[in-house]
Amino acid sequence: MKFPDPLIAGTLVRRYKRFLSDVALAGGDVVTAHCANPGSMLSVDTQGSPVWLSPARNPKRKLRYTWELIEIGGSLVGINTAHPNGLAEEAVLGGAIAELSGYGNLRREVAYGRNSRIDLLLEEAGRPPCYVEVKNVTMRRGAGPDDPAEFPDSVTARGTKHLGELADRVAAGERAVMLYLVQRQDCDRLTIAGDIDPVYAEALDRAMAGGVEILCYGCNMSTDEITVDRPLALAL
């Protein structure tokens, strides 16, 4: 996924009210940017960190910028949760996720379950449909070379619900996959933050026991583009 316009560098002043952030630009102006991330952003909202913003293409939009990237410990992290579904679609269509190859049709945001929409639905004649739920991962609480990325960074009742619905698809004879997409380059494995949301951790155990497949992929990050580029190990 290439950014359609050059990103604008700045320094994070603060993130507040979940969806707002103040950023100091190089010229000294402080602008308010949209923060497209409803999570706690634990470990990726450090004041004074370098950040990058995308300019709004709609001149009538109230907030002229969207916060895209932050640099933590020398590594870029993508904080925009609007991107992972598109990144996953691009990766599946481009053959970058081997486990999800061999499907001729891909649809996004398809209604299923209990008033939910699946992120990606993969279909191919002669094969059961494959339901893929995509989760954005940004948190990494440790700074050592072996410290993993972690999910979730806050309690996620919605995520717990999705795990149950994926298990229901497997019980119905279909395929279901939970895909964790890590938008950072400084880790090689993922673990579940059960101390933050033990209910989610338990639901993941049940989903895995019920046949839900778990995948994790990392991204190559730059201020020009983000691409899904490598599988990460699971420490569940």
C-alpha atoms as a PDB file:
ATOM      1  CA  MET A   1       0.000   0.000   0.000  1.00  0.00           C
ATOM      2  CA  LYS A   2       1.604   3.189  -1.193  1.00  0.00           C
ATOM      3  CA  PHE A   3       0.635   6.431   0.481  1.00  0.00           C
ATOM      4  CA  PRO A   4      -1.074   8.491  -2.232  1.00  0.00           C
ATOM      5  CA  ASP A   5       0.633  11.727  -1.139  1.00  0.00           C
ATOM      6  CA  PRO A   6       3.964  12.441   0.579  1.00  0.00           C
ATOM      7  CA  LEU A   7       3.687  12.181   4.353  1.00  0.00           C
ATOM      8  CA  ILE A   8       4.395  15.204   6.534  1.00  0.00           C
ATOM      9  CA  ALA A   9       6.896  14.830   9.374  1.00  0.00           C
ATOM     10  CA  GLY A  10       6.260  16.191  12.831  1.00  0.00           C
ATOM     11  CA  THR A  11       6.609  15.539  16.561  1.00  0.00           C
ATOM     12  CA  LEU A  12       3.847  14.117  18.719  1.00  0.00           C
ATOM     13  CA  VAL A  13       2.617  16.578  21.334  1.00  0.00           C
ATOM     14  CA  ARG A  14      -0.228  14.459  22.695  1.00  0.00           C
ATOM     15  CA  ARG A  15      -2.969  12.007  21.812  1.00  0.00           C
ATOM     16  CA  TYR A  16      -6.349  12.614  23.457  1.00  0.00           C
ATOM     17  CA  LYS A  17     -10.084  11.876  23.246  1.00  0.00           C
ATOM     18  CA  ARG A  18      -9.109   8.618  21.462  1.00  0.00           C
ATOM     19  CA  PHE A  19      -9.360  10.060  17.950  1.00  0.00           C
ATOM     20  CA  LEU A  20      -7.393  13.308  18.207  1.00  0.00           C
ATOM     21  CA  SER A  21      -3.674  14.073  18.276  1.00  0.00           C
ATOM     22  CA  ASP A  22      -1.692  17.297  18.374  1.00  0.00           C
ATOM     23  CA  VAL A  23       1.469  17.323  16.271  1.00  0.00           C
ATOM     24  CA  ALA A  24       4.169  19.982  16.011  1.00  0.00           C
ATOM     25  CA  LEU A  25       5.313  20.445  12.422  1.00  0.00           C
ATOM     26  CA  ALA A  26       8.830  21.394  11.361  1.00  0.00           C
ATOM     27  CA  GLY A  27       7.886  25.041  10.893  1.00  0.00           C
ATOM     28  CA  GLY A  28       6.634  25.335  14.453  1.00  0.00           C
ATOM     29  CA  ASP A  29       2.889  25.106  13.798  1.00  0.00           C
ATOM     30  CA  VAL A  30       0.895  22.682  15.952  1.00  0.00           C
ATOM     31  CA  VAL A  31      -1.902  20.921  14.059  1.00  0.00           C
ATOM     32  CA  THR A  32      -4.661  18.582  15.216  1.00  0.00           C
ATOM     33  CA  ALA A  33      -4.689  15.312  13.294  1.00  0.00           C
ATOM     34  CA  HIS A  34      -7.215  12.497  13.191  1.00  0.00           C
ATOM     35  CA  CYS A  35      -6.030   9.435  15.114  1.00  0.00           C
ATOM     36  CA  ALA A  36      -7.631   6.430  13.407  1.00  0.00           C
ATOM     37  CA  ASN A  37      -7.024   4.059  16.296  1.00  0.00           C
ATOM     38  CA  PRO A  38      -9.638   3.311  18.984  1.00  0.00           C
ATOM     39  CA  GLY A  39      -7.272   1.244  21.155  1.00  0.00           C
ATOM     40  CA  SER A  40      -5.188   2.382  24.102  1.00  0.00           C
ATOM     41  CA  MET A  41      -2.111   2.726  21.851  1.00  0.00           C
ATOM     42  CA  LEU A  42      -0.012   1.514  24.763  1.00  0.00           C
ATOM     43  CA  SER A  43       3.699   1.737  23.826  1.00  0.00           C
ATOM     44  CA  VAL A  44       3.076   3.792  20.663  1.00  0.00           C
ATOM     45  CA  ASP A  45       1.877   7.182  21.906  1.00  0.00           C
ATOM     46  CA  THR A  46       5.069   8.540  23.502  1.00  0.00           C
ATOM     47  CA  GLN A  47       5.108  12.313  23.555  1.00  0.00           C
ATOM     48  CA  GLY A  48       8.037  13.824  21.676  1.00  0.00           C
ATOM     49  CA  SER A  49       8.303  10.932  19.221  1.00  0.00           C
ATOM     50  CA  PRO A  50       8.714  11.534  15.475  1.00  0.00           C
ATOM     51  CA  VAL A  51       5.432  11.014  13.640  1.00  0.00           C
ATOM     52  CA  TRP A  52       4.173  11.300  10.064  1.00  0.00           C
ATOM     53  CA  LEU A  53       0.826  12.599   8.859  1.00  0.00           C
ATOM     54  CA  SER A  54      -1.070  12.173   5.609  1.00  0.00           C
ATOM     55  CA  PRO A  55      -2.824  15.238   4.188  1.00  0.00           C
ATOM     56  CA  ALA A  56      -6.563  15.030   3.607  1.00  0.00           C
ATOM     57  CA  ARG A  57      -7.553  14.987  -0.061  1.00  0.00           C
ATOM     58  CA  ASN A  58     -10.982  16.399   0.720  1.00  0.00           C
ATOM     59  CA  PRO A  59     -10.539  20.162   1.267  1.00  0.00           C
ATOM     60  CA  LYS A  60     -13.829  20.266   3.190  1.00  0.00           C
ATOM     61  CA  ARG A  61     -12.736  17.751   5.828  1.00  0.00           C
ATOM     62  CA  LYS A  62     -12.636  19.259   9.306  1.00  0.00           C
ATOM     63  CA  LEU A  63      -9.264  17.745  10.220  1.00  0.00           C
ATOM     64  CA  ARG A  64      -6.714  18.322   7.476  1.00  0.00           C
ATOM     65  CA  TYR A  65      -4.347  15.538   8.558  1.00  0.00           C
ATOM     66  CA  THR A  66      -4.392  11.876   9.613  1.00  0.00           C
ATOM     67  CA  TRP A  67      -1.740  10.377  11.863  1.00  0.00           C
ATOM     68  CA  GLU A  68      -0.138   7.425  10.039  1.00  0.00           C
ATOM     69  CA  LEU A  69       3.230   6.489  11.550  1.00  0.00           C
ATOM     70  CA  ILE A  70       5.263   6.894  14.716  1.00  0.00           C
ATOM     71  CA  GLU A  71       8.918   6.078  15.330  1.00  0.00           C
ATOM     72  CA  ILE A  72       9.535   4.076  18.516  1.00  0.00           C
ATOM     73  CA  GLY A  73      13.032   2.896  19.387  1.00  0.00           C
ATOM     74  CA  GLY A  74      14.203   3.557  15.852  1.00  0.00           C
ATOM     75  CA  SER A  75      11.392   1.509  14.281  1.00  0.00           C
ATOM     76  CA  LEU A  76       8.393   2.791  12.373  1.00  0.00           C
ATOM     77  CA  VAL A  77       4.968   1.682  13.597  1.00  0.00           C
ATOM     78  CA  GLY A  78       1.752   2.056  11.600  1.00  0.00           C
ATOM     79  CA  ILE A  79      -1.025   3.178  13.939  1.00  0.00           C
ATOM     80  CA  ASN A  80      -3.840   3.687  11.409  1.00  0.00           C
ATOM     81  CA  THR A  81      -6.358   0.860  11.903  1.00  0.00           C
ATOM     82  CA  ALA A  82      -8.084   1.749   8.635  1.00  0.00           C
ATOM     83  CA  HIS A  83      -5.230   0.138   6.677  1.00  0.00           C
ATOM     84  CA  PRO A  84      -4.906  -3.527   7.777  1.00  0.00           C
ATOM     85  CA  ASN A  85      -7.874  -4.874   5.801  1.00  0.00           C
ATOM     86  CA  GLY A  86      -6.553  -3.296   2.618  1.00  0.00           C
ATOM     87  CA  LEU A  87      -3.039  -4.485   3.388  1.00  0.00           C
ATOM     88  CA  ALA A  88      -4.333  -8.010   3.929  1.00  0.00           C
ATOM     89  CA  GLU A  89      -6.318  -7.933   0.694  1.00  0.00           C
ATOM     90  CA  GLU A  90      -3.287  -6.717  -1.232  1.00  0.00           C
ATOM     91  CA  ALA A  91      -1.136  -9.434   0.338  1.00  0.00           C
ATOM     92  CA  VAL A  92      -3.624 -12.233  -0.409  1.00  0.00           C
ATOM     93  CA  LEU A  93      -4.095 -11.151  -4.009  1.00  0.00           C
ATOM     94  CA  GLY A  94      -0.332 -10.786  -4.431  1.00  0.00           C
ATOM     95  CA  GLY A  95       0.414 -14.236  -3.019  1.00  0.00           C
ATOM     96  CA  ALA A  96       2.304 -12.909   0.005  1.00  0.00           C
ATOM     97  CA  ILE A  97       0.311 -15.053   2.466  1.00  0.00           C
ATOM     98  CA  ALA A  98       0.873 -18.630   1.358  1.00  0.00           C
ATOM     99  CA  GLU A  99      -1.727 -20.069   3.734  1.00  0.00           C
ATOM    100  CA  LEU A 100      -4.461 -18.044   2.015  1.00  0.00           C
ATOM    101  CA  SER A 101      -3.577 -18.841  -1.594  1.00  0.00           C
ATOM    102  CA  GLY A 102      -5.702 -20.739  -4.092  1.00  0.00           C
ATOM    103  CA  TYR A 103      -8.928 -18.744  -3.889  1.00  0.00           C
ATOM    104  CA  GLY A 104     -10.289 -17.127  -7.027  1.00  0.00           C
ATOM    105  CA  ASN A 105     -12.660 -14.674  -5.372  1.00  0.00           C
ATOM    106  CA  LEU A 106     -12.139 -12.220  -2.514  1.00  0.00           C
ATOM    107  CA  ARG A 107     -14.845 -10.078  -0.953  1.00  0.00           C
ATOM    108  CA  ARG A 108     -14.602  -7.590   1.897  1.00  0.00           C
ATOM    109  CA  GLU A 109     -17.013  -6.676   4.685  1.00  0.00           C
ATOM    110  CA  VAL A 110     -19.456  -9.528   4.049  1.00  0.00           C
ATOM    111  CA  ALA A 111     -22.279  -9.877   6.570  1.00  0.00           C
ATOM    112  CA  TYR A 112     -22.181 -13.049   8.681  1.00  0.00           C
ATOM    113  CA  GLY A 113     -22.745 -14.344  12.189  1.00  0.00           C
ATOM    114  CA  ARG A 114     -24.551 -12.228  14.777  1.00  0.00           C
ATOM    115  CA  ASN A 115     -24.756  -8.826  13.145  1.00  0.00           C
ATOM    116  CA  SER A 116     -21.070  -8.881  12.117  1.00  0.00           C
ATOM    117  CA  ARG A 117     -19.080  -8.403   8.929  1.00  0.00           C
ATOM    118  CA  ILE A 118     -16.094 -10.539   8.052  1.00  0.00           C
ATOM    119  CA  ASP A 119     -13.030  -8.598   6.925  1.00  0.00           C
ATOM    120  CA  LEU A 120     -12.176 -10.934   4.028  1.00  0.00           C
ATOM    121  CA  LEU A 121     -14.209 -13.772   2.548  1.00  0.00           C
ATOM    122  CA  LEU A 122     -12.238 -16.045   0.215  1.00  0.00           C
ATOM    123  CA  GLU A 123     -14.107 -18.325  -2.161  1.00  0.00           C
ATOM    124  CA  GLU A 124     -13.207 -20.969  -4.732  1.00  0.00           C
ATOM    125  CA  ALA A 125     -15.352 -23.590  -6.426  1.00  0.00           C
ATOM    126  CA  GLY A 126     -14.954 -26.973  -4.785  1.00  0.00           C
ATOM    127  CA  ARG A 127     -13.530 -25.555  -1.546  1.00  0.00           C
ATOM    128  CA  PRO A 128     -15.274 -24.397   1.642  1.00  0.00           C
ATOM    129  CA  PRO A 129     -15.377 -20.610   1.963  1.00  0.00           C
ATOM    130  CA  CYS A 130     -12.633 -19.096   4.119  1.00  0.00           C
ATOM    131  CA  TYR A 131     -13.538 -16.397   6.642  1.00  0.00           C
ATOM    132  CA  VAL A 132     -10.594 -14.152   7.547  1.00  0.00           C
ATOM    133  CA  GLU A 133     -10.727 -11.732  10.472  1.00  0.00           C
ATOM    134  CA  VAL A 134      -7.874  -9.174  10.465  1.00  0.00           C
ATOM    135  CA  LYS A 135      -6.521  -7.540  13.626  1.00  0.00           C
ATOM    136  CA  ASN A 136      -4.069  -4.651  13.682  1.00  0.00           C
ATOM    137  CA  VAL A 137      -1.136  -5.089  16.085  1.00  0.00           C
ATOM    138  CA  THR A 138       1.031  -2.187  17.256  1.00  0.00           C
ATOM    139  CA  MET A 139       1.907  -2.887  20.899  1.00  0.00           C
ATOM    140  CA  ARG A 140       5.360  -4.033  22.027  1.00  0.00           C
ATOM    141  CA  ARG A 141       5.945  -3.365  25.698  1.00  0.00           C
ATOM    142  CA  GLY A 142       9.504  -4.694  25.880  1.00  0.00           C
ATOM    143  CA  ALA A 143      12.536  -3.157  24.219  1.00  0.00           C
ATOM    144  CA  GLY A 144      14.786  -6.216  24.066  1.00  0.00           C
ATOM    145  CA  PRO A 145      15.627  -8.009  20.824  1.00  0.00           C
ATOM    146  CA  ASP A 146      13.478 -11.013  21.762  1.00  0.00           C
ATOM    147  CA  ASP A 147      10.447  -9.125  23.086  1.00  0.00           C
ATOM    148  CA  PRO A 148       7.289  -9.909  21.092  1.00  0.00           C
ATOM    149  CA  ALA A 149       4.493  -7.823  19.697  1.00  0.00           C
ATOM    150  CA  GLU A 150       1.321  -8.189  21.738  1.00  0.00           C
ATOM    151  CA  PHE A 151      -2.428  -8.108  21.179  1.00  0.00           C
ATOM    152  CA  PRO A 152      -4.747  -6.644  22.369  1.00  0.00           C
ATOM    153  CA  ASP A 153      -3.662  -3.303  23.832  1.00  0.00           C
ATOM    154  CA  SER A 154      -7.041  -2.839  25.567  1.00  0.00           C
ATOM    155  CA  VAL A 155     -10.107  -4.902  26.429  1.00  0.00           C
ATOM    156  CA  THR A 156     -11.854  -5.926  23.203  1.00  0.00           C
ATOM    157  CA  ALA A 157     -15.324  -7.369  23.636  1.00  0.00           C
ATOM    158  CA  ARG A 158     -15.778  -7.049  19.874  1.00  0.00           C
ATOM    159  CA  GLY A 159     -12.673  -9.131  19.254  1.00  0.00           C
ATOM    160  CA  THR A 160     -13.912 -11.803  21.659  1.00  0.00           C
ATOM    161  CA  LYS A 161     -17.232 -11.917  19.821  1.00  0.00           C
ATOM    162  CA  HIS A 162     -15.443 -12.379  16.492  1.00  0.00           C
ATOM    163  CA  LEU A 163     -13.504 -15.371  17.824  1.00  0.00           C
ATOM    164  CA  GLY A 164     -16.753 -17.109  18.752  1.00  0.00           C
ATOM    165  CA  GLU A 165     -18.235 -16.412  15.348  1.00  0.00           C
ATOM    166  CA  LEU A 166     -15.158 -17.785  13.585  1.00  0.00           C
ATOM    167  CA  ALA A 167     -15.463 -20.965  15.639  1.00  0.00           C
ATOM    168  CA  ASP A 168     -19.100 -21.206  14.548  1.00  0.00           C
ATOM    169  CA  ARG A 169     -17.969 -21.135  10.896  1.00  0.00           C
ATOM    170  CA  VAL A 170     -15.610 -24.050  11.493  1.00  0.00           C
ATOM    171  CA  ALA A 171     -18.391 -25.975  13.226  1.00  0.00           C
ATOM    172  CA  ALA A 172     -20.505 -25.404  10.104  1.00  0.00           C
ATOM    173  CA  GLY A 173     -17.851 -27.068   7.930  1.00  0.00           C
ATOM    174  CA  GLU A 174     -16.199 -23.885   6.667  1.00  0.00           C
ATOM    175  CA  ARG A 175     -12.710 -22.478   7.157  1.00  0.00           C
ATOM    176  CA  ALA A 176     -11.945 -19.625   9.555  1.00  0.00           C
ATOM    177  CA  VAL A 177      -8.692 -17.730  10.048  1.00  0.00           C
ATOM    178  CA  MET A 178      -7.627 -15.079  12.555  1.00  0.00           C
ATOM    179  CA  LEU A 179      -4.919 -12.985  10.905  1.00  0.00           C
ATOM    180  CA  TYR A 180      -2.848 -10.706  13.123  1.00  0.00           C
ATOM    181  CA  LEU A 181      -1.104  -8.005  11.099  1.00  0.00           C
ATOM    182  CA  VAL A 182       1.857  -6.430  12.892  1.00  0.00           C
ATOM    183  CA  GLN A 183       2.556  -2.943  11.549  1.00  0.00           C
ATOM    184  CA  ARG A 184       6.119  -2.768  12.844  1.00  0.00           C
ATOM    185  CA  GLN A 185       9.503  -4.317  11.990  1.00  0.00           C
ATOM    186  CA  ASP A 186      11.242  -4.692  15.359  1.00  0.00           C
ATOM    187  CA  CYS A 187       9.841  -8.073  16.437  1.00  0.00           C
ATOM    188  CA  ASP A 188       9.670 -11.611  15.080  1.00  0.00           C
ATOM    189  CA  ARG A 189       6.820 -13.115  17.103  1.00  0.00           C
ATOM    190  CA  LEU A 190       3.434 -12.357  18.599  1.00  0.00           C
ATOM    191  CA  THR A 191       1.937 -13.169  21.963  1.00  0.00           C
ATOM    192  CA  ILE A 192      -1.448 -12.488  23.539  1.00  0.00           C
ATOM    193  CA  ALA A 193      -1.650  -9.887  26.308  1.00  0.00           C
ATOM    194  CA  GLY A 194      -3.739 -11.958  28.683  1.00  0.00           C
ATOM    195  CA  ASP A 195      -3.002  -9.557  31.540  1.00  0.00           C
ATOM    196  CA  ILE A 196      -4.839  -6.830  29.628  1.00  0.00           C
ATOM    197  CA  ASP A 197      -7.787  -8.912  28.446  1.00  0.00           C
ATOM    198  CA  PRO A 198      -7.955 -12.411  29.996  1.00  0.00           C
ATOM    199  CA  VAL A 199     -11.416 -12.972  28.502  1.00  0.00           C
ATOM    200  CA  TYR A 200     -10.015 -12.500  24.999  1.00  0.00           C
ATOM    201  CA  ALA A 201      -7.103 -14.847  25.767  1.00  0.00           C
ATOM    202  CA  GLU A 202      -9.521 -17.546  26.927  1.00  0.00           C
ATOM    203  CA  ALA A 203     -11.726 -17.022  23.872  1.00  0.00           C
ATOM    204  CA  LEU A 204      -8.695 -17.462  21.610  1.00  0.00           C
ATOM    205  CA  ASP A 205      -7.846 -20.754  23.315  1.00  0.00           C
ATOM    206  CA  ARG A 206     -11.409 -21.975  22.725  1.00  0.00           C
ATOM    207  CA  ALA A 207     -11.363 -20.819  19.107  1.00  0.00           C
ATOM    208  CA  MET A 208      -8.101 -22.641  18.421  1.00  0.00           C
ATOM    209  CA  ALA A 209      -9.448 -25.783  20.065  1.00  0.00           C
ATOM    210  CA  GLY A 210     -12.485 -25.445  17.803  1.00  0.00           C
ATOM    211  CA  GLY A 211     -10.355 -25.379  14.655  1.00  0.00           C
ATOM    212  CA  VAL A 212      -9.871 -21.655  13.989  1.00  0.00           C
ATOM    213  CA  GLU A 213      -6.494 -21.126  12.316  1.00  0.00           C
ATOM    214  CA  ILE A 214      -4.151 -18.437  13.654  1.00  0.00           C
ATOM    215  CA  LEU A 215      -1.762 -16.553  11.361  1.00  0.00           C
ATOM    216  CA  CYS A 216       0.544 -13.646  12.052  1.00  0.00           C
ATOM    217  CA  TYR A 217       2.380 -11.557   9.476  1.00  0.00           C
ATOM    218  CA  GLY A 218       4.679  -8.577   9.821  1.00  0.00           C
ATOM    219  CA  CYS A 219       4.969  -5.529   7.611  1.00  0.00           C
ATOM    220  CA  ASN A 220       7.763  -3.655   5.926  1.00  0.00           C
ATOM    221  CA  MET A 221       7.315  -0.041   6.992  1.00  0.00           C
ATOM    222  CA  SER A 222       8.473   3.143   5.296  1.00  0.00           C
ATOM    223  CA  THR A 223       7.192   6.676   4.868  1.00  0.00           C
ATOM    224  CA  ASP A 224       6.392   5.801   1.247  1.00  0.00           C
ATOM    225  CA  GLU A 225       4.505   2.524   1.626  1.00  0.00           C
ATOM    226  CA  ILE A 226       3.526  -0.375   3.874  1.00  0.00           C
ATOM    227  CA  THR A 227       3.655  -3.952   2.635  1.00  0.00           C
ATOM    228  CA  VAL A 228       2.998  -7.323   4.250  1.00  0.00           C
ATOM    229  CA  ASP A 229       6.296  -9.151   3.890  1.00  0.00           C
ATOM    230  CA  ARG A 230       6.940 -12.010   6.360  1.00  0.00           C
ATOM    231  CA  PRO A 231       5.279 -14.569   8.646  1.00  0.00           C
ATOM    232  CA  LEU A 232       5.884 -14.124  12.364  1.00  0.00           C
ATOM    233  CA  ALA A 233       6.069 -16.859  14.971  1.00  0.00           C
ATOM    234  CA  LEU A 234       3.220 -17.331  17.439  1.00  0.00           C
ATOM    235  CA  ALA A 235       3.964 -17.559  21.168  1.00  0.00           C
ATOM    236  CA  LEU A 236       0.448 -18.305  22.359  1.00  0.00           C
END
